[in-house]
mmCIF file of all heavy atoms, coordinates in Angstrom:
data_MODEL
# 
_entry.id   MODEL 
# 
loop_
_atom_site.group_PDB 
_atom_site.id 
_atom_site.type_symbol 
_atom_site.label_atom_id 
_atom_site.label_alt_id 
_atom_site.label_comp_id 
_atom_site.label_asym_id 
_atom_site.label_entity_id 
_atom_site.label_seq_id 
_atom_site.pdbx_PDB_ins_code 
_atom_site.Cartn_x 
_atom_site.Cartn_y 
_atom_site.Cartn_z 
_atom_site.occupancy 
_atom_site.B_iso_or_equiv 
_atom_site.pdbx_formal_charge 
_atom_site.auth_seq_id 
_atom_site.auth_comp_id 
_atom_site.auth_asym_id 
_atom_site.auth_atom_id 
_atom_site.pdbx_PDB_model_num 
ATOM 1   N N   . ILE A 1 1  ? 2.039   -17.872 15.509 1.00 0.00 ? 1  ILE A N   1 
ATOM 2   C CA  . ILE A 1 1  ? 0.612   -17.730 15.255 1.00 0.00 ? 1  ILE A CA  1 
ATOM 3   C C   . ILE A 1 1  ? 0.105   -16.593 16.127 1.00 0.00 ? 1  ILE A C   1 
ATOM 4   O O   . ILE A 1 1  ? 0.130   -16.683 17.352 1.00 0.00 ? 1  ILE A O   1 
ATOM 5   C CB  . ILE A 1 1  ? -0.158  -19.024 15.561 1.00 0.00 ? 1  ILE A CB  1 
ATOM 6   C CG1 . ILE A 1 1  ? 0.426   -20.194 14.765 1.00 0.00 ? 1  ILE A CG1 1 
ATOM 7   C CG2 . ILE A 1 1  ? -1.647  -18.850 15.232 1.00 0.00 ? 1  ILE A CG2 1 
ATOM 8   C CD1 . ILE A 1 1  ? -0.188  -21.535 15.114 1.00 0.00 ? 1  ILE A CD1 1 
ATOM 9   N N   . LYS A 1 2  ? -0.326  -15.518 15.511 1.00 0.00 ? 2  LYS A N   1 
ATOM 10  C CA  . LYS A 1 2  ? -0.681  -14.304 16.232 1.00 0.00 ? 2  LYS A CA  1 
ATOM 11  C C   . LYS A 1 2  ? -2.167  -13.997 16.051 1.00 0.00 ? 2  LYS A C   1 
ATOM 12  O O   . LYS A 1 2  ? -2.811  -14.458 15.107 1.00 0.00 ? 2  LYS A O   1 
ATOM 13  C CB  . LYS A 1 2  ? 0.170   -13.134 15.738 1.00 0.00 ? 2  LYS A CB  1 
ATOM 14  C CG  . LYS A 1 2  ? 1.672   -13.434 15.789 1.00 0.00 ? 2  LYS A CG  1 
ATOM 15  C CD  . LYS A 1 2  ? 2.490   -12.267 15.300 1.00 0.00 ? 2  LYS A CD  1 
ATOM 16  C CE  . LYS A 1 2  ? 3.981   -12.627 15.210 1.00 0.00 ? 2  LYS A CE  1 
ATOM 17  N NZ  . LYS A 1 2  ? 4.521   -13.045 16.503 1.00 0.00 ? 2  LYS A NZ  1 
ATOM 18  N N   . VAL A 1 3  ? -2.698  -13.216 16.966 1.00 0.00 ? 3  VAL A N   1 
ATOM 19  C CA  . VAL A 1 3  ? -4.095  -12.785 16.913 1.00 0.00 ? 3  VAL A CA  1 
ATOM 20  C C   . VAL A 1 3  ? -4.139  -11.269 16.981 1.00 0.00 ? 3  VAL A C   1 
ATOM 21  O O   . VAL A 1 3  ? -3.444  -10.650 17.804 1.00 0.00 ? 3  VAL A O   1 
ATOM 22  C CB  . VAL A 1 3  ? -4.913  -13.387 18.074 1.00 0.00 ? 3  VAL A CB  1 
ATOM 23  C CG1 . VAL A 1 3  ? -6.310  -12.767 18.134 1.00 0.00 ? 3  VAL A CG1 1 
ATOM 24  C CG2 . VAL A 1 3  ? -5.011  -14.902 17.941 1.00 0.00 ? 3  VAL A CG2 1 
ATOM 25  N N   . VAL A 1 4  ? -4.943  -10.667 16.120 1.00 0.00 ? 4  VAL A N   1 
ATOM 26  C CA  . VAL A 1 4  ? -5.170  -9.233  16.164 1.00 0.00 ? 4  VAL A CA  1 
ATOM 27  C C   . VAL A 1 4  ? -6.673  -8.997  16.091 1.00 0.00 ? 4  VAL A C   1 
ATOM 28  O O   . VAL A 1 4  ? -7.383  -9.681  15.350 1.00 0.00 ? 4  VAL A O   1 
ATOM 29  C CB  . VAL A 1 4  ? -4.437  -8.505  15.015 1.00 0.00 ? 4  VAL A CB  1 
ATOM 30  C CG1 . VAL A 1 4  ? -4.941  -8.952  13.653 1.00 0.00 ? 4  VAL A CG1 1 
ATOM 31  C CG2 . VAL A 1 4  ? -4.571  -6.998  15.147 1.00 0.00 ? 4  VAL A CG2 1 
ATOM 32  N N   . VAL A 1 5  ? -7.171  -8.076  16.894 1.00 0.00 ? 5  VAL A N   1 
ATOM 33  C CA  . VAL A 1 5  ? -8.599  -7.767  16.912 1.00 0.00 ? 5  VAL A CA  1 
ATOM 34  C C   . VAL A 1 5  ? -8.910  -6.768  15.804 1.00 0.00 ? 5  VAL A C   1 
ATOM 35  O O   . VAL A 1 5  ? -8.270  -5.722  15.691 1.00 0.00 ? 5  VAL A O   1 
ATOM 36  C CB  . VAL A 1 5  ? -9.029  -7.205  18.277 1.00 0.00 ? 5  VAL A CB  1 
ATOM 37  C CG1 . VAL A 1 5  ? -10.502 -6.781  18.252 1.00 0.00 ? 5  VAL A CG1 1 
ATOM 38  C CG2 . VAL A 1 5  ? -8.803  -8.252  19.365 1.00 0.00 ? 5  VAL A CG2 1 
ATOM 39  N N   . HIS A 1 6  ? -9.894  -7.132  14.988 1.00 0.00 ? 6  HIS A N   1 
ATOM 40  C CA  . HIS A 1 6  ? -10.296 -6.309  13.842 1.00 0.00 ? 6  HIS A CA  1 
ATOM 41  C C   . HIS A 1 6  ? -11.826 -6.259  13.823 1.00 0.00 ? 6  HIS A C   1 
ATOM 42  O O   . HIS A 1 6  ? -12.479 -7.153  13.282 1.00 0.00 ? 6  HIS A O   1 
ATOM 43  C CB  . HIS A 1 6  ? -9.736  -6.937  12.558 1.00 0.00 ? 6  HIS A CB  1 
ATOM 44  C CG  . HIS A 1 6  ? -10.284 -6.370  11.289 1.00 0.00 ? 6  HIS A CG  1 
ATOM 45  N ND1 . HIS A 1 6  ? -10.299 -5.022  11.029 1.00 0.00 ? 6  HIS A ND1 1 
ATOM 46  C CD2 . HIS A 1 6  ? -10.859 -6.981  10.209 1.00 0.00 ? 6  HIS A CD2 1 
ATOM 47  C CE1 . HIS A 1 6  ? -10.835 -4.820  9.837  1.00 0.00 ? 6  HIS A CE1 1 
ATOM 48  N NE2 . HIS A 1 6  ? -11.199 -5.992  9.327  1.00 0.00 ? 6  HIS A NE2 1 
ATOM 49  N N   . PRO A 1 7  ? -12.428 -5.257  14.459 1.00 0.00 ? 7  PRO A N   1 
ATOM 50  C CA  . PRO A 1 7  ? -13.877 -5.261  14.690 1.00 0.00 ? 7  PRO A CA  1 
ATOM 51  C C   . PRO A 1 7  ? -14.735 -5.299  13.429 1.00 0.00 ? 7  PRO A C   1 
ATOM 52  O O   . PRO A 1 7  ? -15.860 -5.797  13.465 1.00 0.00 ? 7  PRO A O   1 
ATOM 53  C CB  . PRO A 1 7  ? -14.109 -3.954  15.465 1.00 0.00 ? 7  PRO A CB  1 
ATOM 54  C CG  . PRO A 1 7  ? -12.783 -3.620  16.065 1.00 0.00 ? 7  PRO A CG  1 
ATOM 55  C CD  . PRO A 1 7  ? -11.766 -4.099  15.083 1.00 0.00 ? 7  PRO A CD  1 
ATOM 56  N N   . GLN A 1 8  ? -14.236 -4.790  12.312 1.00 0.00 ? 8  GLN A N   1 
ATOM 57  C CA  . GLN A 1 8  ? -15.068 -4.711  11.114 1.00 0.00 ? 8  GLN A CA  1 
ATOM 58  C C   . GLN A 1 8  ? -15.258 -6.060  10.412 1.00 0.00 ? 8  GLN A C   1 
ATOM 59  O O   . GLN A 1 8  ? -16.139 -6.208  9.573  1.00 0.00 ? 8  GLN A O   1 
ATOM 60  C CB  . GLN A 1 8  ? -14.468 -3.710  10.118 1.00 0.00 ? 8  GLN A CB  1 
ATOM 61  C CG  . GLN A 1 8  ? -14.509 -2.259  10.585 1.00 0.00 ? 8  GLN A CG  1 
ATOM 62  C CD  . GLN A 1 8  ? -13.365 -1.919  11.531 1.00 0.00 ? 8  GLN A CD  1 
ATOM 63  O OE1 . GLN A 1 8  ? -12.432 -2.689  11.717 1.00 0.00 ? 8  GLN A OE1 1 
ATOM 64  N NE2 . GLN A 1 8  ? -13.449 -0.750  12.144 1.00 0.00 ? 8  GLN A NE2 1 
ATOM 65  N N   . SER A 1 9  ? -14.422 -7.047  10.719 1.00 0.00 ? 9  SER A N   1 
ATOM 66  C CA  . SER A 1 9  ? -14.515 -8.384  10.111 1.00 0.00 ? 9  SER A CA  1 
ATOM 67  C C   . SER A 1 9  ? -14.483 -8.326  8.584  1.00 0.00 ? 9  SER A C   1 
ATOM 68  O O   . SER A 1 9  ? -15.185 -9.087  7.904  1.00 0.00 ? 9  SER A O   1 
ATOM 69  C CB  . SER A 1 9  ? -15.787 -9.108  10.581 1.00 0.00 ? 9  SER A CB  1 
ATOM 70  O OG  . SER A 1 9  ? -15.766 -9.330  11.965 1.00 0.00 ? 9  SER A OG  1 
ATOM 71  N N   . ILE A 1 10 ? -13.657 -7.472  8.055  1.00 0.00 ? 10 ILE A N   1 
ATOM 72  C CA  . ILE A 1 10 ? -13.478 -7.378  6.601  1.00 0.00 ? 10 ILE A CA  1 
ATOM 73  C C   . ILE A 1 10 ? -12.204 -8.099  6.176  1.00 0.00 ? 10 ILE A C   1 
ATOM 74  O O   . ILE A 1 10 ? -12.183 -8.833  5.191  1.00 0.00 ? 10 ILE A O   1 
ATOM 75  C CB  . ILE A 1 10 ? -13.422 -5.898  6.149  1.00 0.00 ? 10 ILE A CB  1 
ATOM 76  C CG1 . ILE A 1 10 ? -14.778 -5.232  6.414  1.00 0.00 ? 10 ILE A CG1 1 
ATOM 77  C CG2 . ILE A 1 10 ? -13.035 -5.790  4.672  1.00 0.00 ? 10 ILE A CG2 1 
ATOM 78  C CD1 . ILE A 1 10 ? -15.937 -5.815  5.637  1.00 0.00 ? 10 ILE A CD1 1 
ATOM 79  N N   . VAL A 1 11 ? -11.106 -7.888  6.938  1.00 0.00 ? 11 VAL A N   1 
ATOM 80  C CA  . VAL A 1 11 ? -9.873  -8.655  6.734  1.00 0.00 ? 11 VAL A CA  1 
ATOM 81  C C   . VAL A 1 11 ? -10.018 -9.926  7.568  1.00 0.00 ? 11 VAL A C   1 
ATOM 82  O O   . VAL A 1 11 ? -10.079 -9.870  8.795  1.00 0.00 ? 11 VAL A O   1 
ATOM 83  C CB  . VAL A 1 11 ? -8.634  -7.862  7.178  1.00 0.00 ? 11 VAL A CB  1 
ATOM 84  C CG1 . VAL A 1 11 ? -7.374  -8.717  7.045  1.00 0.00 ? 11 VAL A CG1 1 
ATOM 85  C CG2 . VAL A 1 11 ? -8.508  -6.584  6.364  1.00 0.00 ? 11 VAL A CG2 1 
ATOM 86  N N   . HIS A 1 12 ? -10.060 -11.068 6.902  1.00 0.00 ? 12 HIS A N   1 
ATOM 87  C CA  . HIS A 1 12 ? -10.396 -12.302 7.617  1.00 0.00 ? 12 HIS A CA  1 
ATOM 88  C C   . HIS A 1 12 ? -9.184  -12.997 8.211  1.00 0.00 ? 12 HIS A C   1 
ATOM 89  O O   . HIS A 1 12 ? -9.336  -13.754 9.168  1.00 0.00 ? 12 HIS A O   1 
ATOM 90  C CB  . HIS A 1 12 ? -11.186 -13.229 6.702  1.00 0.00 ? 12 HIS A CB  1 
ATOM 91  C CG  . HIS A 1 12 ? -12.493 -12.631 6.297  1.00 0.00 ? 12 HIS A CG  1 
ATOM 92  N ND1 . HIS A 1 12 ? -13.483 -12.328 7.208  1.00 0.00 ? 12 HIS A ND1 1 
ATOM 93  C CD2 . HIS A 1 12 ? -12.959 -12.219 5.091  1.00 0.00 ? 12 HIS A CD2 1 
ATOM 94  C CE1 . HIS A 1 12 ? -14.511 -11.782 6.576  1.00 0.00 ? 12 HIS A CE1 1 
ATOM 95  N NE2 . HIS A 1 12 ? -14.217 -11.698 5.298  1.00 0.00 ? 12 HIS A NE2 1 
ATOM 96  N N   . SER A 1 13 ? -8.022  -12.786 7.660  1.00 0.00 ? 13 SER A N   1 
ATOM 97  C CA  . SER A 1 13 ? -6.745  -13.190 8.255  1.00 0.00 ? 13 SER A CA  1 
ATOM 98  C C   . SER A 1 13 ? -5.634  -12.803 7.293  1.00 0.00 ? 13 SER A C   1 
ATOM 99  O O   . SER A 1 13 ? -5.889  -12.424 6.141  1.00 0.00 ? 13 SER A O   1 
ATOM 100 C CB  . SER A 1 13 ? -6.694  -14.692 8.580  1.00 0.00 ? 13 SER A CB  1 
ATOM 101 O OG  . SER A 1 13 ? -7.300  -14.950 9.831  1.00 0.00 ? 13 SER A OG  1 
ATOM 102 N N   . MET A 1 14 ? -4.382  -12.921 7.780  1.00 0.00 ? 14 MET A N   1 
ATOM 103 C CA  . MET A 1 14 ? -3.233  -12.480 6.998  1.00 0.00 ? 14 MET A CA  1 
ATOM 104 C C   . MET A 1 14 ? -2.074  -13.445 7.172  1.00 0.00 ? 14 MET A C   1 
ATOM 105 O O   . MET A 1 14 ? -1.973  -14.130 8.194  1.00 0.00 ? 14 MET A O   1 
ATOM 106 C CB  . MET A 1 14 ? -2.795  -11.074 7.441  1.00 0.00 ? 14 MET A CB  1 
ATOM 107 C CG  . MET A 1 14 ? -3.832  -9.992  7.200  1.00 0.00 ? 14 MET A CG  1 
ATOM 108 S SD  . MET A 1 14 ? -3.451  -8.424  8.031  1.00 0.00 ? 14 MET A SD  1 
ATOM 109 C CE  . MET A 1 14 ? -4.137  -8.735  9.672  1.00 0.00 ? 14 MET A CE  1 
ATOM 110 N N   . VAL A 1 15 ? -1.204  -13.469 6.176  1.00 0.00 ? 15 VAL A N   1 
ATOM 111 C CA  . VAL A 1 15 ? 0.034   -14.239 6.245  1.00 0.00 ? 15 VAL A CA  1 
ATOM 112 C C   . VAL A 1 15 ? 1.191   -13.279 6.031  1.00 0.00 ? 15 VAL A C   1 
ATOM 113 O O   . VAL A 1 15 ? 1.237   -12.564 5.022  1.00 0.00 ? 15 VAL A O   1 
ATOM 114 C CB  . VAL A 1 15 ? 0.075   -15.364 5.184  1.00 0.00 ? 15 VAL A CB  1 
ATOM 115 C CG1 . VAL A 1 15 ? 1.425   -16.080 5.219  1.00 0.00 ? 15 VAL A CG1 1 
ATOM 116 C CG2 . VAL A 1 15 ? -1.061  -16.357 5.426  1.00 0.00 ? 15 VAL A CG2 1 
ATOM 117 N N   . ALA A 1 16 ? 2.102   -13.227 6.998  1.00 0.00 ? 16 ALA A N   1 
ATOM 118 C CA  . ALA A 1 16 ? 3.279   -12.374 6.901  1.00 0.00 ? 16 ALA A CA  1 
ATOM 119 C C   . ALA A 1 16 ? 4.454   -13.194 6.376  1.00 0.00 ? 16 ALA A C   1 
ATOM 120 O O   . ALA A 1 16 ? 4.670   -14.335 6.796  1.00 0.00 ? 16 ALA A O   1 
ATOM 121 C CB  . ALA A 1 16 ? 3.626   -11.782 8.261  1.00 0.00 ? 16 ALA A CB  1 
ATOM 122 N N   . TYR A 1 17 ? 5.217   -12.611 5.447  1.00 0.00 ? 17 TYR A N   1 
ATOM 123 C CA  . TYR A 1 17 ? 6.347   -13.287 4.819  1.00 0.00 ? 17 TYR A CA  1 
ATOM 124 C C   . TYR A 1 17 ? 7.665   -12.635 5.237  1.00 0.00 ? 17 TYR A C   1 
ATOM 125 O O   . TYR A 1 17 ? 7.697   -11.481 5.681  1.00 0.00 ? 17 TYR A O   1 
ATOM 126 C CB  . TYR A 1 17 ? 6.195   -13.266 3.301  1.00 0.00 ? 17 TYR A CB  1 
ATOM 127 C CG  . TYR A 1 17 ? 5.117   -14.218 2.803  1.00 0.00 ? 17 TYR A CG  1 
ATOM 128 C CD1 . TYR A 1 17 ? 3.786   -13.830 2.771  1.00 0.00 ? 17 TYR A CD1 1 
ATOM 129 C CD2 . TYR A 1 17 ? 5.432   -15.511 2.401  1.00 0.00 ? 17 TYR A CD2 1 
ATOM 130 C CE1 . TYR A 1 17 ? 2.789   -14.701 2.339  1.00 0.00 ? 17 TYR A CE1 1 
ATOM 131 C CE2 . TYR A 1 17 ? 4.456   -16.388 1.957  1.00 0.00 ? 17 TYR A CE2 1 
ATOM 132 C CZ  . TYR A 1 17 ? 3.141   -15.978 1.935  1.00 0.00 ? 17 TYR A CZ  1 
ATOM 133 O OH  . TYR A 1 17 ? 2.173   -16.849 1.509  1.00 0.00 ? 17 TYR A OH  1 
ATOM 134 N N   . SER A 1 18 ? 8.735   -13.381 5.078  1.00 0.00 ? 18 SER A N   1 
ATOM 135 C CA  . SER A 1 18 ? 10.042  -12.931 5.557  1.00 0.00 ? 18 SER A CA  1 
ATOM 136 C C   . SER A 1 18 ? 10.580  -11.731 4.797  1.00 0.00 ? 18 SER A C   1 
ATOM 137 O O   . SER A 1 18 ? 11.495  -11.057 5.280  1.00 0.00 ? 18 SER A O   1 
ATOM 138 C CB  . SER A 1 18 ? 11.054  -14.087 5.476  1.00 0.00 ? 18 SER A CB  1 
ATOM 139 O OG  . SER A 1 18 ? 11.109  -14.609 4.165  1.00 0.00 ? 18 SER A OG  1 
ATOM 140 N N   . ASP A 1 19 ? 10.046  -11.443 3.614  1.00 0.00 ? 19 ASP A N   1 
ATOM 141 C CA  . ASP A 1 19 ? 10.498  -10.270 2.867  1.00 0.00 ? 19 ASP A CA  1 
ATOM 142 C C   . ASP A 1 19 ? 9.768   -8.993  3.266  1.00 0.00 ? 19 ASP A C   1 
ATOM 143 O O   . ASP A 1 19 ? 9.999   -7.930  2.687  1.00 0.00 ? 19 ASP A O   1 
ATOM 144 C CB  . ASP A 1 19 ? 10.348  -10.504 1.361  1.00 0.00 ? 19 ASP A CB  1 
ATOM 145 C CG  . ASP A 1 19 ? 8.901   -10.721 0.915  1.00 0.00 ? 19 ASP A CG  1 
ATOM 146 O OD1 . ASP A 1 19 ? 8.000   -10.649 1.780  1.00 0.00 ? 19 ASP A OD1 1 
ATOM 147 O OD2 . ASP A 1 19 ? 8.672   -10.971 -0.281 1.00 0.00 ? 19 ASP A OD2 1 
ATOM 148 N N   . GLY A 1 20 ? 8.904   -9.082  4.267  1.00 0.00 ? 20 GLY A N   1 
ATOM 149 C CA  . GLY A 1 20 ? 8.154   -7.922  4.729  1.00 0.00 ? 20 GLY A CA  1 
ATOM 150 C C   . GLY A 1 20 ? 6.762   -7.816  4.152  1.00 0.00 ? 20 GLY A C   1 
ATOM 151 O O   . GLY A 1 20 ? 5.979   -6.957  4.577  1.00 0.00 ? 20 GLY A O   1 
ATOM 152 N N   . SER A 1 21 ? 6.416   -8.674  3.197  1.00 0.00 ? 21 SER A N   1 
ATOM 153 C CA  . SER A 1 21 ? 5.077   -8.663  2.620  1.00 0.00 ? 21 SER A CA  1 
ATOM 154 C C   . SER A 1 21 ? 4.068   -9.247  3.597  1.00 0.00 ? 21 SER A C   1 
ATOM 155 O O   . SER A 1 21 ? 4.379   -10.167 4.360  1.00 0.00 ? 21 SER A O   1 
ATOM 156 C CB  . SER A 1 21 ? 5.041   -9.482  1.323  1.00 0.00 ? 21 SER A CB  1 
ATOM 157 O OG  . SER A 1 21 ? 5.936   -8.970  0.362  1.00 0.00 ? 21 SER A OG  1 
ATOM 158 N N   . VAL A 1 22 ? 2.857   -8.731  3.547  1.00 0.00 ? 22 VAL A N   1 
ATOM 159 C CA  . VAL A 1 22 ? 1.732   -9.303  4.289  1.00 0.00 ? 22 VAL A CA  1 
ATOM 160 C C   . VAL A 1 22 ? 0.581   -9.450  3.305  1.00 0.00 ? 22 VAL A C   1 
ATOM 161 O O   . VAL A 1 22 ? 0.114   -8.471  2.734  1.00 0.00 ? 22 VAL A O   1 
ATOM 162 C CB  . VAL A 1 22 ? 1.299   -8.407  5.467  1.00 0.00 ? 22 VAL A CB  1 
ATOM 163 C CG1 . VAL A 1 22 ? 0.071   -9.007  6.159  1.00 0.00 ? 22 VAL A CG1 1 
ATOM 164 C CG2 . VAL A 1 22 ? 2.433   -8.230  6.459  1.00 0.00 ? 22 VAL A CG2 1 
ATOM 165 N N   . LEU A 1 23 ? 0.142   -10.690 3.109  1.00 0.00 ? 23 LEU A N   1 
ATOM 166 C CA  . LEU A 1 23 ? -0.992  -10.951 2.233  1.00 0.00 ? 23 LEU A CA  1 
ATOM 167 C C   . LEU A 1 23 ? -2.241  -11.128 3.083  1.00 0.00 ? 23 LEU A C   1 
ATOM 168 O O   . LEU A 1 23 ? -2.230  -11.865 4.077  1.00 0.00 ? 23 LEU A O   1 
ATOM 169 C CB  . LEU A 1 23 ? -0.758  -12.204 1.395  1.00 0.00 ? 23 LEU A CB  1 
ATOM 170 C CG  . LEU A 1 23 ? 0.463   -12.204 0.469  1.00 0.00 ? 23 LEU A CG  1 
ATOM 171 C CD1 . LEU A 1 23 ? 0.462   -13.451 -0.416 1.00 0.00 ? 23 LEU A CD1 1 
ATOM 172 C CD2 . LEU A 1 23 ? 0.501   -10.944 -0.395 1.00 0.00 ? 23 LEU A CD2 1 
ATOM 173 N N   . ALA A 1 24 ? -3.317  -10.454 2.690  1.00 0.00 ? 24 ALA A N   1 
ATOM 174 C CA  . ALA A 1 24 ? -4.570  -10.498 3.430  1.00 0.00 ? 24 ALA A CA  1 
ATOM 175 C C   . ALA A 1 24 ? -5.707  -10.912 2.508  1.00 0.00 ? 24 ALA A C   1 
ATOM 176 O O   . ALA A 1 24 ? -5.694  -10.609 1.312  1.00 0.00 ? 24 ALA A O   1 
ATOM 177 C CB  . ALA A 1 24 ? -4.872  -9.137  4.048  1.00 0.00 ? 24 ALA A CB  1 
ATOM 178 N N   . GLN A 1 25 ? -6.680  -11.605 3.059  1.00 0.00 ? 25 GLN A N   1 
ATOM 179 C CA  . GLN A 1 25 ? -7.896  -11.936 2.321  1.00 0.00 ? 25 GLN A CA  1 
ATOM 180 C C   . GLN A 1 25 ? -9.022  -11.093 2.887  1.00 0.00 ? 25 GLN A C   1 
ATOM 181 O O   . GLN A 1 25 ? -9.283  -11.104 4.090  1.00 0.00 ? 25 GLN A O   1 
ATOM 182 C CB  . GLN A 1 25 ? -8.216  -13.426 2.435  1.00 0.00 ? 25 GLN A CB  1 
ATOM 183 C CG  . GLN A 1 25 ? -9.346  -13.909 1.520  1.00 0.00 ? 25 GLN A CG  1 
ATOM 184 C CD  . GLN A 1 25 ? -10.711 -13.886 2.191  1.00 0.00 ? 25 GLN A CD  1 
ATOM 185 O OE1 . GLN A 1 25 ? -10.817 -13.991 3.411  1.00 0.00 ? 25 GLN A OE1 1 
ATOM 186 N NE2 . GLN A 1 25 ? -11.761 -13.740 1.408  1.00 0.00 ? 25 GLN A NE2 1 
# 
């Protein structure tokens, strides 16, 4: 479970997958 600072608050969180994909909302 990781935290990244994103000041614009447009990407609300992400899920990283083992195939290298990252899905973001």
